[in-house]
Protein backbone atom coordinates (compact mmCIF):
# COMPACT_ATOMS: atom_id res chain seq x y z
CA MET A 1 10.61 -36.53 -17.53
CA SER A 2 9.95 -33.23 -15.84
CA LEU A 3 12.65 -31.74 -13.72
CA ILE A 4 10.21 -30.56 -11.23
CA LYS A 5 6.86 -32.24 -10.65
CA VAL A 6 4.35 -31.12 -8.00
CA ALA A 7 1.23 -33.16 -7.56
CA GLY A 8 -1.53 -32.40 -5.03
CA LEU A 9 0.69 -30.32 -2.76
CA LYS A 10 -0.98 -29.21 0.49
CA LYS A 11 0.66 -27.46 3.43
CA ILE A 12 -0.92 -26.62 6.81
CA PHE A 13 0.84 -24.50 9.52
CA THR A 14 -0.15 -25.40 12.85
CA LYS A 15 0.26 -23.50 16.07
CA TYR A 16 0.54 -25.32 19.49
CA ASP A 17 -0.04 -23.95 22.95
CA ASP A 18 2.11 -24.29 26.08
CA ASN A 19 0.66 -27.93 26.64
CA ASN A 20 1.44 -28.98 23.13
CA GLU A 21 -2.18 -28.83 22.09
CA ILE A 22 -3.33 -27.53 18.89
CA GLU A 23 -4.24 -23.88 19.21
CA SER A 24 -4.84 -23.03 15.47
CA SER A 25 -4.15 -24.29 12.08
CA ARG A 26 -4.02 -22.49 8.71
CA GLU A 27 -4.06 -24.08 5.28
CA VAL A 28 -1.30 -22.21 3.35
CA LEU A 29 -1.17 -24.36 0.10
CA ARG A 30 -3.83 -26.57 -1.38
CA ASP A 31 -3.86 -28.86 -4.29
CA ILE A 32 -0.82 -27.34 -6.19
CA ASN A 33 0.05 -29.06 -9.29
CA MET A 34 2.92 -28.03 -11.54
CA ASP A 35 5.21 -29.42 -14.07
CA VAL A 36 8.47 -27.73 -15.09
CA GLU A 37 10.76 -29.01 -17.87
CA LYS A 38 14.45 -28.68 -17.92
CA GLY A 39 15.49 -25.18 -19.17
CA ASP A 40 12.07 -23.55 -18.48
CA PHE A 41 11.87 -19.97 -17.07
CA VAL A 42 8.83 -20.00 -14.69
CA ALA A 43 7.57 -16.88 -12.95
CA ILE A 44 5.51 -17.40 -9.78
CA LEU A 45 3.07 -14.42 -9.03
CA GLY A 46 0.69 -13.85 -6.23
CA SER A 47 -0.20 -11.20 -3.49
CA ASN A 48 1.53 -11.17 0.00
CA GLY A 49 0.40 -14.19 1.95
CA SER A 50 -0.65 -16.01 -1.15
CA GLY A 51 1.97 -18.91 -0.51
CA LYS A 52 4.69 -18.19 -3.03
CA THR A 53 7.60 -18.41 -0.64
CA THR A 54 6.06 -21.26 1.17
CA PHE A 55 5.78 -23.22 -2.19
CA ALA A 56 9.34 -22.21 -3.23
CA ARG A 57 10.79 -23.74 -0.03
CA HIS A 58 9.05 -27.09 -0.91
CA LEU A 59 11.16 -27.26 -4.01
CA ASN A 60 14.58 -27.57 -2.26
CA ALA A 61 13.29 -29.46 0.86
CA LEU A 62 13.42 -26.62 3.16
CA LEU A 63 9.72 -27.45 3.88
CA PHE A 64 7.77 -30.83 3.38
CA SER A 65 4.32 -31.24 2.31
CA ASP A 66 1.39 -32.43 4.49
CA GLU A 67 -0.21 -34.06 1.48
CA GLY A 68 0.77 -34.68 -2.26
CA THR A 69 4.28 -35.08 -3.59
CA VAL A 70 7.15 -32.89 -4.85
CA THR A 71 9.81 -34.67 -7.05
CA ILE A 72 13.07 -33.15 -8.23
CA ASP A 73 14.50 -34.94 -11.21
CA GLY A 74 12.63 -37.94 -10.23
CA GLU A 75 13.57 -37.88 -6.45
CA ASP A 76 10.96 -37.34 -3.84
CA THR A 77 11.94 -34.33 -1.44
CA LYS A 78 10.55 -36.12 1.48
CA SER A 79 13.13 -38.91 1.23
CA VAL A 80 15.79 -38.13 3.84
CA LYS A 81 18.45 -39.67 1.83
CA ASN A 82 17.74 -37.28 -1.13
CA ILE A 83 17.77 -34.04 0.68
CA TRP A 84 21.34 -32.96 0.00
CA GLU A 85 21.24 -34.12 -3.56
CA ILE A 86 18.13 -32.18 -4.00
CA ARG A 87 19.44 -29.04 -2.55
CA LYS A 88 22.43 -29.33 -4.84
CA LYS A 89 20.06 -29.52 -7.81
CA CYS A 90 17.96 -26.57 -6.64
CA GLY A 91 19.78 -23.48 -5.52
CA MET A 92 17.83 -20.82 -3.55
CA VAL A 93 18.42 -17.02 -3.64
CA PHE A 94 16.32 -15.12 -1.05
CA GLN A 95 14.91 -11.69 -1.01
CA ASN A 96 17.35 -10.32 1.44
CA PRO A 97 20.91 -11.30 0.41
CA ASP A 98 22.23 -10.51 3.95
CA ASN A 99 20.31 -13.64 5.16
CA GLN A 100 22.53 -16.02 3.16
CA ILE A 101 25.84 -14.35 3.07
CA VAL A 102 28.27 -15.94 5.40
CA GLY A 103 31.88 -15.49 4.00
CA VAL A 104 34.40 -13.00 5.23
CA THR A 105 35.35 -12.23 1.67
CA VAL A 106 33.28 -12.42 -1.59
CA GLU A 107 35.55 -15.32 -2.69
CA GLU A 108 34.89 -17.24 0.50
CA ASP A 109 31.18 -16.75 0.36
CA ALA A 110 31.06 -18.12 -3.25
CA ALA A 111 33.05 -21.09 -2.06
CA PHE A 112 31.01 -21.89 1.03
CA GLY A 113 28.57 -24.28 -0.51
CA LEU A 114 31.29 -26.12 -2.39
CA GLU A 115 33.34 -26.54 0.83
CA ASN A 116 30.15 -28.25 2.33
CA LEU A 117 29.94 -30.51 -0.65
CA GLY A 118 33.55 -31.62 -0.34
CA VAL A 119 34.64 -30.29 -3.74
CA GLU A 120 38.45 -30.56 -4.18
CA PRO A 121 40.27 -27.22 -4.03
CA VAL A 122 41.43 -27.05 -7.60
CA LYS A 123 37.81 -27.57 -8.91
CA MET A 124 36.49 -25.38 -6.29
CA GLN A 125 38.59 -22.33 -7.27
CA LYS A 126 37.63 -22.89 -10.80
CA ARG A 127 33.89 -22.84 -10.10
CA VAL A 128 34.24 -19.90 -7.86
CA ASN A 129 36.11 -17.94 -10.46
CA GLU A 130 33.49 -18.88 -13.19
CA SER A 131 30.55 -18.01 -10.85
CA LEU A 132 31.95 -14.54 -9.87
CA ASN A 133 32.95 -13.57 -13.46
CA LYS A 134 29.58 -14.67 -14.68
CA THR A 135 27.86 -12.28 -12.12
CA GLY A 136 30.35 -9.46 -12.66
CA LEU A 137 32.07 -9.81 -9.29
CA GLY A 138 35.39 -11.19 -10.38
CA LYS A 139 37.26 -7.92 -9.40
CA TYR A 140 35.73 -7.84 -5.94
CA LYS A 141 37.10 -11.38 -4.75
CA GLN A 142 38.91 -10.11 -1.82
CA LYS A 143 36.45 -7.54 -0.73
CA SER A 144 34.25 -7.92 2.36
CA PRO A 145 30.59 -8.66 1.38
CA SER A 146 29.59 -6.06 4.05
CA ARG A 147 31.26 -3.37 1.63
CA LEU A 148 29.12 -4.33 -1.41
CA SER A 149 26.12 -2.51 -2.51
CA GLY A 150 22.66 -4.12 -2.29
CA GLY A 151 22.78 -5.05 -6.10
CA GLN A 152 26.20 -6.51 -5.70
CA LYS A 153 25.11 -8.49 -2.73
CA GLN A 154 22.32 -9.97 -4.59
CA ARG A 155 24.64 -10.95 -7.44
CA LEU A 156 26.92 -12.70 -4.89
CA SER A 157 23.95 -14.71 -3.64
CA ILE A 158 23.32 -15.79 -7.22
CA ALA A 159 27.10 -16.60 -7.56
CA SER A 160 27.29 -18.63 -4.49
CA SER A 161 24.37 -20.70 -5.71
CA ILE A 162 25.44 -21.20 -9.29
CA SER A 163 28.94 -22.18 -8.24
CA MET A 164 27.38 -25.36 -7.08
CA ARG A 165 26.15 -26.01 -10.55
CA PRO A 166 22.33 -26.46 -9.81
CA LYS A 167 20.01 -27.67 -12.38
CA CYS A 168 17.40 -25.30 -11.05
CA LEU A 169 17.76 -21.84 -9.54
CA ILE A 170 15.01 -20.51 -7.33
CA LEU A 171 14.90 -16.81 -6.84
CA ASP A 172 12.47 -15.23 -4.18
CA GLU A 173 12.04 -11.59 -4.95
CA PRO A 174 15.60 -10.96 -5.86
CA THR A 175 15.25 -7.40 -7.21
CA ALA A 176 12.82 -6.09 -4.52
CA MET A 177 15.30 -3.66 -2.92
CA LEU A 178 17.44 -2.89 -5.98
CA ASP A 179 17.60 0.42 -8.15
CA PRO A 180 16.65 0.32 -11.69
CA ALA A 181 20.26 -0.47 -12.89
CA GLY A 182 20.54 -3.17 -10.25
CA ARG A 183 17.36 -4.84 -11.32
CA LYS A 184 18.51 -4.89 -15.02
CA ASP A 185 21.87 -6.39 -14.03
CA VAL A 186 20.17 -9.19 -11.96
CA MET A 187 17.57 -9.93 -14.80
CA LYS A 188 20.38 -10.08 -17.37
CA ILE A 189 22.29 -12.62 -15.40
CA VAL A 190 19.11 -14.73 -14.80
CA LYS A 191 18.30 -14.65 -18.55
CA GLU A 192 21.80 -15.66 -19.47
CA LEU A 193 21.81 -18.51 -16.97
CA ASN A 194 18.54 -19.63 -18.55
CA LYS A 195 19.23 -19.09 -22.30
CA GLU A 196 22.89 -19.80 -22.38
CA ASP A 197 23.51 -22.39 -19.49
CA LYS A 198 20.02 -24.07 -19.85
CA MET A 199 19.40 -23.52 -16.24
CA THR A 200 15.78 -23.93 -15.01
CA ILE A 201 14.55 -20.71 -13.40
CA ILE A 202 11.83 -20.39 -10.87
CA TYR A 203 11.29 -16.73 -10.38
CA ILE A 204 9.06 -15.18 -7.65
CA THR A 205 8.29 -11.50 -8.24
CA HIS A 206 5.74 -8.65 -7.80
CA HIS A 207 7.36 -6.83 -10.80
CA MET A 208 5.01 -7.73 -13.69
CA ASP A 209 7.50 -6.58 -16.25
CA GLU A 210 10.00 -9.20 -14.94
CA ALA A 211 7.30 -11.97 -15.05
CA ALA A 212 6.60 -11.00 -18.66
CA LYS A 213 10.16 -12.27 -19.63
CA ALA A 214 9.35 -15.79 -18.36
CA ASP A 215 8.18 -18.78 -20.64
CA LYS A 216 5.32 -19.48 -18.22
CA ILE A 217 3.60 -17.84 -15.44
CA PHE A 218 1.77 -19.43 -12.36
CA VAL A 219 -0.47 -17.35 -10.37
CA LEU A 220 -1.17 -18.09 -6.77
CA ASN A 221 -4.13 -16.73 -4.71
CA LYS A 222 -4.92 -17.92 -1.18
CA GLY A 223 -2.73 -20.97 -1.63
CA GLU A 224 -4.21 -22.02 -4.92
CA VAL A 225 -2.93 -21.90 -8.54
CA VAL A 226 -5.78 -19.79 -10.12
CA THR A 227 -4.32 -19.37 -13.51
CA CYS A 228 -1.14 -20.38 -15.62
CA GLY A 229 0.13 -19.93 -19.00
CA THR A 230 2.34 -17.92 -21.14
CA PRO A 231 2.66 -14.07 -20.38
CA PHE A 232 0.26 -13.38 -23.19
CA GLU A 233 -2.34 -15.76 -21.82
CA VAL A 234 -2.02 -14.75 -18.22
CA PHE A 235 -2.12 -10.95 -18.73
CA GLN A 236 -5.20 -11.18 -20.81
CA LYS A 237 -7.06 -12.33 -17.63
CA VAL A 238 -7.27 -8.98 -15.95
CA ASP A 239 -10.27 -10.04 -13.82
CA VAL A 240 -8.40 -12.97 -12.37
CA LEU A 241 -5.24 -10.93 -11.67
CA GLU A 242 -7.33 -8.29 -9.97
CA GLN A 243 -8.91 -10.86 -7.66
CA ALA A 244 -5.51 -12.01 -6.81
CA LYS A 245 -4.48 -8.40 -5.96
CA LEU A 246 -2.21 -8.23 -9.00
CA THR A 247 -1.98 -6.17 -12.04
CA ILE A 248 -0.63 -6.18 -15.73
CA PRO A 249 2.78 -4.79 -16.46
CA TYR A 250 3.10 -1.02 -16.43
CA VAL A 251 3.79 -0.73 -20.03
CA THR A 252 0.90 -2.89 -20.78
CA LYS A 253 -1.24 -0.24 -18.86
CA VAL A 254 0.19 2.50 -21.19
CA ALA A 255 -0.71 0.36 -24.21
CA LYS A 256 -4.29 -0.36 -22.75
CA ILE A 257 -4.97 3.40 -22.48
CA MET A 258 -3.81 3.90 -26.16
CA ASN A 259 -6.04 1.03 -27.19
CA ASN A 260 -8.98 2.56 -25.33
CA CYS A 261 -8.24 5.93 -27.04
CA GLY A 262 -8.21 4.21 -30.58
CA PHE A 263 -4.41 4.41 -31.33
CA LEU A 264 -3.54 0.70 -30.72
CA LYS A 265 -5.44 -2.36 -31.98
CA ALA A 266 -4.12 -4.45 -29.07
CA TYR A 267 -2.32 -3.91 -25.83
CA ASN A 268 -0.27 -7.10 -25.16
CA TYR A 269 3.15 -5.33 -25.00
CA TYR A 270 5.52 -5.78 -22.28
CA ASN A 271 8.36 -3.40 -22.98
CA VAL A 272 8.65 0.16 -24.48
CA ASP A 273 10.45 -1.03 -27.66
CA GLU A 274 7.54 -3.32 -28.50
CA LEU A 275 4.99 -0.54 -27.88
CA ILE A 276 6.73 2.12 -29.78
CA GLU A 277 7.32 -0.21 -32.87
CA ASN A 278 3.53 -1.12 -33.05
CA PHE A 279 2.40 2.26 -32.40
CA SER A 280 4.48 3.66 -35.23
CA LYS A 281 3.18 0.76 -37.60
CA GLU A 282 -0.47 1.63 -36.68
CA ASN A 283 -0.28 5.43 -36.58
CA ASP A 284 0.96 7.72 -39.54
CA VAL A 285 2.77 10.62 -38.02
CA SER A 286 0.82 13.26 -40.13
CA SER A 287 -2.51 11.67 -39.45
CA PHE A 288 -1.82 11.33 -35.70
CA ASN A 289 -0.67 15.03 -35.46
CA SER A 290 -3.92 16.18 -37.29
CA LYS A 291 -6.04 14.31 -34.72
CA ILE A 292 -4.19 15.13 -31.59
CA ARG A 293 -4.36 18.67 -30.16
CA LYS A 294 -1.33 20.58 -30.45
CA ALA A 295 1.08 19.91 -27.60
CA SER A 296 1.49 23.04 -25.53
CA GLU A 297 3.40 24.33 -22.58
CA VAL A 298 1.51 22.44 -20.04
CA SER A 299 1.08 24.01 -16.52
CA SER A 300 2.74 22.11 -13.81
CA ARG A 301 0.98 19.25 -12.25
CA LYS A 302 2.18 20.47 -8.94
CA LYS A 303 3.07 23.80 -7.31
CA ASP A 304 6.69 24.93 -7.68
CA LEU A 305 7.24 24.21 -3.87
CA LYS A 306 10.93 25.07 -4.23
CA LYS A 307 10.04 28.80 -4.84
CA GLU A 308 7.32 28.88 -2.22
CA THR A 309 8.64 27.00 0.77
CA ASP A 310 10.75 29.59 2.34
CA ILE A 311 7.94 32.16 2.66
CA SER A 312 4.75 29.98 2.90
CA ARG A 313 5.67 26.81 4.94
CA ASP A 314 7.00 25.86 8.39
CA CYS A 315 10.42 24.34 8.27
CA ILE A 316 10.38 21.18 10.60
CA LEU A 317 13.75 19.93 9.84
CA SER A 318 16.91 21.47 8.53
CA ILE A 319 20.19 20.03 7.46
CA SER A 320 23.14 22.38 7.19
CA ASN A 321 26.53 21.32 5.61
CA VAL A 322 26.21 17.79 6.88
CA SER A 323 28.85 15.05 6.12
CA LEU A 324 29.11 11.67 7.30
CA CYS A 325 32.09 9.43 7.14
CA TYR A 326 31.97 5.77 8.27
CA ASP A 327 35.21 4.21 9.67
CA LYS A 328 37.20 7.56 9.55
CA GLY A 329 40.91 7.15 9.59
CA LEU A 330 40.81 3.51 8.67
CA SER A 331 41.94 1.96 5.35
CA PHE A 332 38.41 1.36 4.29
CA GLU A 333 37.09 4.86 5.23
CA ASN A 334 33.81 5.61 3.30
CA THR A 335 32.20 9.03 2.94
CA ALA A 336 28.51 8.32 2.79
CA ILE A 337 27.23 11.81 2.86
CA ASN A 338 29.12 14.90 1.37
CA ASN A 339 28.15 18.37 2.54
CA VAL A 340 24.47 18.13 2.20
CA SER A 341 22.21 21.10 3.08
CA LEU A 342 18.31 21.11 2.77
CA ASN A 343 15.15 21.86 4.56
CA ILE A 344 12.08 19.83 5.14
CA TYR A 345 8.71 21.52 5.32
CA LYS A 346 5.26 20.73 6.78
CA ASP A 347 2.94 18.63 4.74
CA GLU A 348 5.35 17.62 1.99
CA PHE A 349 5.54 14.38 0.30
CA ILE A 350 9.18 13.98 -0.60
CA GLY A 351 10.70 11.30 -2.71
CA ILE A 352 14.37 10.38 -2.38
CA ILE A 353 15.88 8.44 -5.25
CA GLY A 354 19.39 7.33 -6.07
CA HIS A 355 21.34 4.27 -7.01
CA THR A 356 22.16 1.59 -4.47
CA GLY A 357 24.82 2.96 -2.20
CA SER A 358 24.20 6.65 -3.05
CA GLY A 359 23.48 7.65 0.67
CA LYS A 360 19.78 7.64 0.88
CA SER A 361 19.48 5.44 4.02
CA SER A 362 22.38 7.32 5.75
CA LEU A 363 20.69 10.67 5.02
CA VAL A 364 17.30 9.76 6.63
CA GLN A 365 19.04 8.16 9.63
CA LEU A 366 20.83 11.52 10.15
CA MET A 367 17.34 13.12 10.03
CA ASP A 368 16.04 10.81 12.80
CA GLY A 369 19.07 11.16 15.00
CA LEU A 370 20.09 7.45 14.70
CA ILE A 371 23.51 8.42 13.60
CA LYS A 372 25.60 11.54 14.16
CA PRO A 373 27.04 13.65 11.38
CA THR A 374 30.85 13.81 11.20
CA ASP A 375 30.38 17.58 10.31
CA GLY A 376 27.44 19.98 10.12
CA THR A 377 24.08 20.27 12.07
CA VAL A 378 20.61 18.66 11.96
CA LYS A 379 17.96 20.83 13.59
CA PHE A 380 14.28 19.84 14.49
CA LYS A 381 12.12 22.90 14.73
CA GLY A 382 15.33 25.11 15.27
CA MET A 383 17.07 22.93 17.88
CA ASP A 384 20.16 20.93 17.22
CA ILE A 385 19.29 17.23 17.73
CA ASN A 386 22.80 16.28 18.53
CA ASP A 387 23.08 18.79 21.40
CA LYS A 388 23.69 16.76 24.69
CA ASP A 389 20.47 18.57 26.16
CA PHE A 390 18.32 17.55 23.30
CA ASN A 391 15.67 14.91 24.02
CA LYS A 392 16.21 12.38 21.40
CA ARG A 393 13.53 10.16 22.77
CA GLU A 394 10.90 12.85 21.98
CA LEU A 395 12.51 13.20 18.52
CA HIS A 396 11.89 9.57 17.65
CA PHE A 397 8.16 10.02 18.56
CA LYS A 398 8.08 13.06 16.18
CA VAL A 399 10.14 11.66 13.39
CA GLY A 400 9.05 8.09 12.90
CA MET A 401 11.32 5.70 10.87
CA VAL A 402 10.42 2.59 8.95
CA PHE A 403 13.50 0.84 7.98
CA GLN A 404 14.45 -0.90 4.77
CA TYR A 405 13.47 -4.33 6.34
CA PRO A 406 10.93 -3.19 8.74
CA GLU A 407 10.00 -6.83 9.68
CA ASN A 408 13.12 -6.86 11.71
CA GLN A 409 11.46 -4.28 14.02
CA LEU A 410 8.82 -6.80 15.07
CA PHE A 411 9.36 -8.57 18.47
CA GLU A 412 5.96 -8.69 20.43
CA GLU A 413 3.95 -11.84 20.96
CA SER A 414 0.94 -10.53 18.87
CA VAL A 415 0.39 -8.14 16.08
CA ILE A 416 -1.68 -5.82 18.07
CA LYS A 417 0.83 -5.72 21.00
CA ASP A 418 3.67 -4.89 18.52
CA VAL A 419 1.69 -1.85 17.01
CA MET A 420 0.74 -0.63 20.50
CA PHE A 421 4.23 -0.74 21.79
CA GLY A 422 5.18 2.79 20.44
CA PRO A 423 2.03 4.57 21.63
CA LEU A 424 2.24 3.03 25.14
CA ASN A 425 5.70 4.27 25.38
CA GLN A 426 4.41 7.81 24.73
CA GLY A 427 2.52 7.50 28.08
CA ILE A 428 -1.00 7.02 26.81
CA SER A 429 -3.59 4.73 28.38
CA GLN A 430 -3.93 1.04 27.28
CA GLU A 431 -7.39 1.68 25.79
CA LEU A 432 -6.10 4.87 23.72
CA ALA A 433 -3.15 2.79 22.53
CA GLN A 434 -5.30 -0.13 21.42
CA ASN A 435 -7.57 2.37 19.46
CA LYS A 436 -4.61 3.80 17.68
CA GLY A 437 -3.12 0.40 17.02
CA GLU A 438 -6.37 -0.94 15.51
CA LYS A 439 -6.69 2.17 13.56
CA ALA A 440 -3.13 1.94 12.16
CA LEU A 441 -3.61 -1.75 11.17
CA GLU A 442 -6.90 -0.89 9.44
CA ILE A 443 -5.00 1.71 7.32
CA MET A 444 -2.46 -0.95 6.40
CA GLY A 445 -5.07 -3.46 5.51
CA ILE A 446 -4.45 -5.96 8.15
CA SER A 447 -7.72 -7.96 9.05
CA LYS A 448 -8.99 -8.06 12.53
CA ASP A 449 -8.46 -11.99 12.60
CA ARG A 450 -4.71 -11.34 12.49
CA PHE A 451 -4.48 -9.04 15.39
CA GLU A 452 -3.76 -11.65 18.04
CA ALA A 453 -1.54 -13.72 15.66
CA SER A 454 2.22 -13.71 16.28
CA PRO A 455 3.87 -11.26 13.93
CA PHE A 456 6.38 -14.08 13.12
CA GLU A 457 3.60 -16.18 11.56
CA LEU A 458 2.79 -13.55 8.99
CA SER A 459 3.85 -13.50 5.35
CA GLY A 460 6.67 -11.15 4.39
CA GLY A 461 4.27 -8.52 3.02
CA GLU A 462 2.04 -8.69 6.19
CA LYS A 463 5.06 -8.28 8.38
CA ARG A 464 6.02 -5.03 6.37
CA ARG A 465 2.50 -3.61 6.82
CA VAL A 466 2.44 -4.35 10.57
CA ALA A 467 5.76 -2.63 11.18
CA ILE A 468 4.68 0.53 9.26
CA ALA A 469 1.44 0.47 11.28
CA GLY A 470 3.55 0.44 14.38
CA VAL A 471 5.11 3.85 13.29
CA ILE A 472 1.84 5.33 12.04
CA ALA A 473 0.17 4.53 15.39
CA MET A 474 2.51 6.88 17.07
CA GLU A 475 1.19 9.80 14.76
CA PRO A 476 4.59 11.43 14.19
CA GLU A 477 4.84 14.72 12.42
CA ILE A 478 7.41 13.35 9.94
CA ILE A 479 7.12 9.75 8.61
CA ILE A 480 10.39 8.33 6.95
CA LEU A 481 9.97 5.15 4.91
CA ASP A 482 12.91 3.39 3.39
CA GLU A 483 11.61 1.24 0.48
CA PRO A 484 8.36 0.49 2.06
CA VAL A 485 6.65 -1.15 -0.80
CA ALA A 486 9.52 -3.40 -1.93
CA GLY A 487 8.27 -7.01 -1.73
CA LEU A 488 4.59 -5.89 -1.64
CA ASP A 489 1.91 -6.83 -4.05
CA PRO A 490 0.53 -4.16 -6.39
CA GLU A 491 -2.66 -3.77 -4.55
CA THR A 492 -1.15 -3.54 -1.11
CA SER A 493 1.38 -1.08 -2.45
CA SER A 494 -1.41 1.11 -3.61
CA ILE A 495 -3.11 0.97 -0.38
CA LEU A 496 -0.02 1.90 1.65
CA LEU A 497 0.93 4.87 -0.78
CA CYS A 498 -2.72 6.26 -0.72
CA ALA A 499 -2.62 5.92 3.07
CA LEU A 500 0.65 8.02 3.09
CA LYS A 501 -0.73 10.53 0.73
CA ASP A 502 -3.80 10.83 2.88
CA LEU A 503 -1.55 11.47 5.95
CA ARG A 504 0.23 14.21 4.01
CA ASP A 505 -3.06 15.70 3.19
CA LYS A 506 -3.85 15.90 6.94
CA GLY A 507 -0.72 17.86 7.54
CA LYS A 508 1.94 15.17 8.09
CA THR A 509 5.25 15.14 6.25
CA VAL A 510 6.15 11.94 4.36
CA ILE A 511 9.57 11.11 3.11
CA LEU A 512 9.82 8.17 0.87
CA ILE A 513 12.97 6.40 -0.35
CA SER A 514 12.05 4.38 -3.38
CA HIS A 515 13.49 2.79 -6.59
CA ASP A 516 10.06 2.78 -8.27
CA MET A 517 10.00 5.82 -10.50
CA GLU A 518 6.29 5.38 -11.29
CA ASN A 519 5.36 5.49 -7.61
CA VAL A 520 7.58 8.55 -7.12
CA ALA A 521 5.90 10.31 -10.08
CA GLU A 522 2.38 9.34 -8.84
CA TYR A 523 2.64 10.43 -5.29
CA THR A 524 5.29 12.76 -4.40
CA ASP A 525 5.41 16.56 -4.61
CA ARG A 526 9.29 17.05 -4.39
CA VAL A 527 12.30 14.81 -5.22
CA LEU A 528 15.74 14.70 -3.89
CA VAL A 529 18.18 12.86 -6.10
CA MET A 530 21.41 11.46 -4.46
CA ASN A 531 24.57 10.44 -6.16
CA GLN A 532 27.82 9.50 -4.34
CA GLY A 533 26.60 11.03 -1.08
CA SER A 534 25.46 14.28 -2.45
CA VAL A 535 21.99 15.76 -3.21
CA VAL A 536 22.51 16.55 -7.00
CA MET A 537 18.92 17.50 -7.67
CA ASP A 538 16.20 18.97 -5.30
CA ASP A 539 13.14 20.14 -7.08
CA THR A 540 9.43 19.43 -7.88
CA THR A 541 8.73 15.98 -9.09
CA GLU A 542 7.93 17.20 -12.60
CA ASN A 543 11.17 19.24 -12.81
CA VAL A 544 13.34 16.46 -11.68
CA PHE A 545 12.17 14.06 -14.21
CA LYS A 546 12.62 16.47 -16.98
CA ASN A 547 16.48 15.77 -16.42
CA GLN A 548 16.24 12.33 -17.98
CA VAL A 549 19.72 12.49 -19.34
CA LYS A 550 21.25 13.16 -16.00
CA LEU A 551 19.15 10.65 -14.33
CA LYS A 552 20.11 7.95 -16.77
CA GLU A 553 23.84 8.90 -16.19
CA ILE A 554 23.73 8.05 -12.67
CA GLY A 555 21.69 4.81 -13.20
CA LEU A 556 18.12 5.85 -12.68
CA ASP A 557 15.10 5.65 -14.85
CA ILE A 558 12.27 7.99 -15.76
CA PRO A 559 8.55 6.93 -15.32
CA ILE A 560 7.45 4.75 -18.12
CA PRO A 561 4.61 7.08 -19.24
CA LYS A 562 7.31 9.85 -19.73
CA GLU A 563 9.62 7.53 -21.45
CA VAL A 564 6.94 6.49 -23.89
CA MET A 565 5.92 10.04 -24.74
CA LEU A 566 9.50 11.21 -25.22
CA ARG A 567 10.20 8.22 -27.67
CA LEU A 568 7.02 9.20 -29.52
CA TYR A 569 8.00 12.87 -29.69
CA LYS A 570 11.40 11.99 -30.99
CA ALA A 571 9.64 9.92 -33.73
CA GLY A 572 7.75 13.00 -34.87
CA TYR A 573 4.42 12.57 -33.00
CA ASN A 574 3.11 15.89 -31.55
CA VAL A 575 2.68 14.57 -27.95
CA ASN A 576 3.27 16.23 -24.65
CA THR A 577 6.50 15.18 -23.00
CA ASN A 578 5.66 16.51 -19.64
CA VAL A 579 3.41 13.61 -18.59
CA LEU A 580 4.48 11.45 -15.74
CA THR A 581 1.51 9.23 -14.85
CA LEU A 582 -1.17 6.98 -16.51
CA LYS A 583 -3.78 9.63 -15.90
CA ASP A 584 -1.61 12.24 -17.62
CA ILE A 585 -1.41 10.06 -20.81
CA GLU A 586 -5.05 9.46 -20.77
CA LYS A 587 -5.84 13.17 -20.51
CA GLU A 588 -3.44 13.82 -23.41
CA LEU A 589 -4.91 11.16 -25.78
CA LYS A 590 -8.53 11.59 -25.31
């Protein structure tokens, strides 16, 4: 018998007016069929708004189908008497761990579910210890969850769920906000739960490399399952994935270029080790080196901005000897920023990278004047933004901020009103604000039929794009974005990043915090690397990624194309190791 059986699942969201009459209805899921056996590892893929999260919430009775059935271990989720038993069997881990952390300490949070189940204290303590040790949080038992890093919070969410010994663990984009090391930690835990504890895993993700580790993949598009199968079977269907606004894993993209250039017979490889192993089997080093042109000192992809900025560009924002200490003088005092100095110039596209908790978000909030430094100065166009006479309101129009969870910025009754709010507060006319709002929504790929919808009816990805549109509509000189593409599907991410690049080309300055090294390599000119509150590197994108040893030491990765070429070079292949992008690899191998 299947652990999870879904048959003919249909879900309609209905909106009612003030008179309780149906105003509109939208079919979110239609005719979903799925069988999941005990111990399976199933990945769910789909673009933003495809119905992934809605589907997942049917599996532990947070939502109920309008048609069809969902049974968990033989029990119908619609049966009221089964609800708590079903929720014990299907644990849920949400994208934002803050939404499900309730305990004062790590230990209390891990015990919360068990207390509600009435587990006796001795057994409860044993289970809590086991779950915290399994997720690497045993030494943090008495620590406040608010003091954990993003990756640690996500591990706590997993620990709190598995302490209840569920048969199935449902994870909704659990690594979207994590740095490379945090992503690897979470995936390691998930794989161990699946392989060692035989726990069934339902894993929703936009990271194709994570989906490639599953036994089976289901792809949703507009509320329907458009294909399913093993990773090999699904990732062969490139056209189907593209129609669903998805793509193949990044390593597979590299392999496909090598296949097109005649150096690989196939391209169904999902990690760098597999790719290098098969490349080496199919390409003799001497023969390859005789075919490929000699790798030379390649000129920089980008200008050496660091040498030119002081004489050729206007400095918009300057930070001088800035430090920031939270809870100064208390026992849990924390230095978030440690003596940072840097200049931000007009029409730069800057990437800020660093492990979770390195100070990235604190740094950009200092730039926008949202928090005041403990020491040092922040100047916008030569004026100290923390002087009592400085107009902070005007600064927020000039330096636009998109927070890590921008959907929390939404509050108006309709999408268009939310995006118009900022422009209207700049004192412009209703008509002009509407035009700016519509243009910003168009840039973000929001269709006109969603303009009058409530922002709270949107999918997570749509909310993200609407919040970003609200900042773009104000036409700031500097746009700061804290992990804007986390949780977005590949196509939407590409649309957003291309839009930001276009804004940079039109004279705007864009500052992007990201954990995605491939995006940083593709779009930015300059990269700031943060570690323990300090800027440890500030250079062109190409120069920063030459320091792969230092980056690895602080828990960061280098872009996959560069990693592949470095591995091949070390194996004796005469390839250029300065590449950063897929286009760079294609240029080198043609």
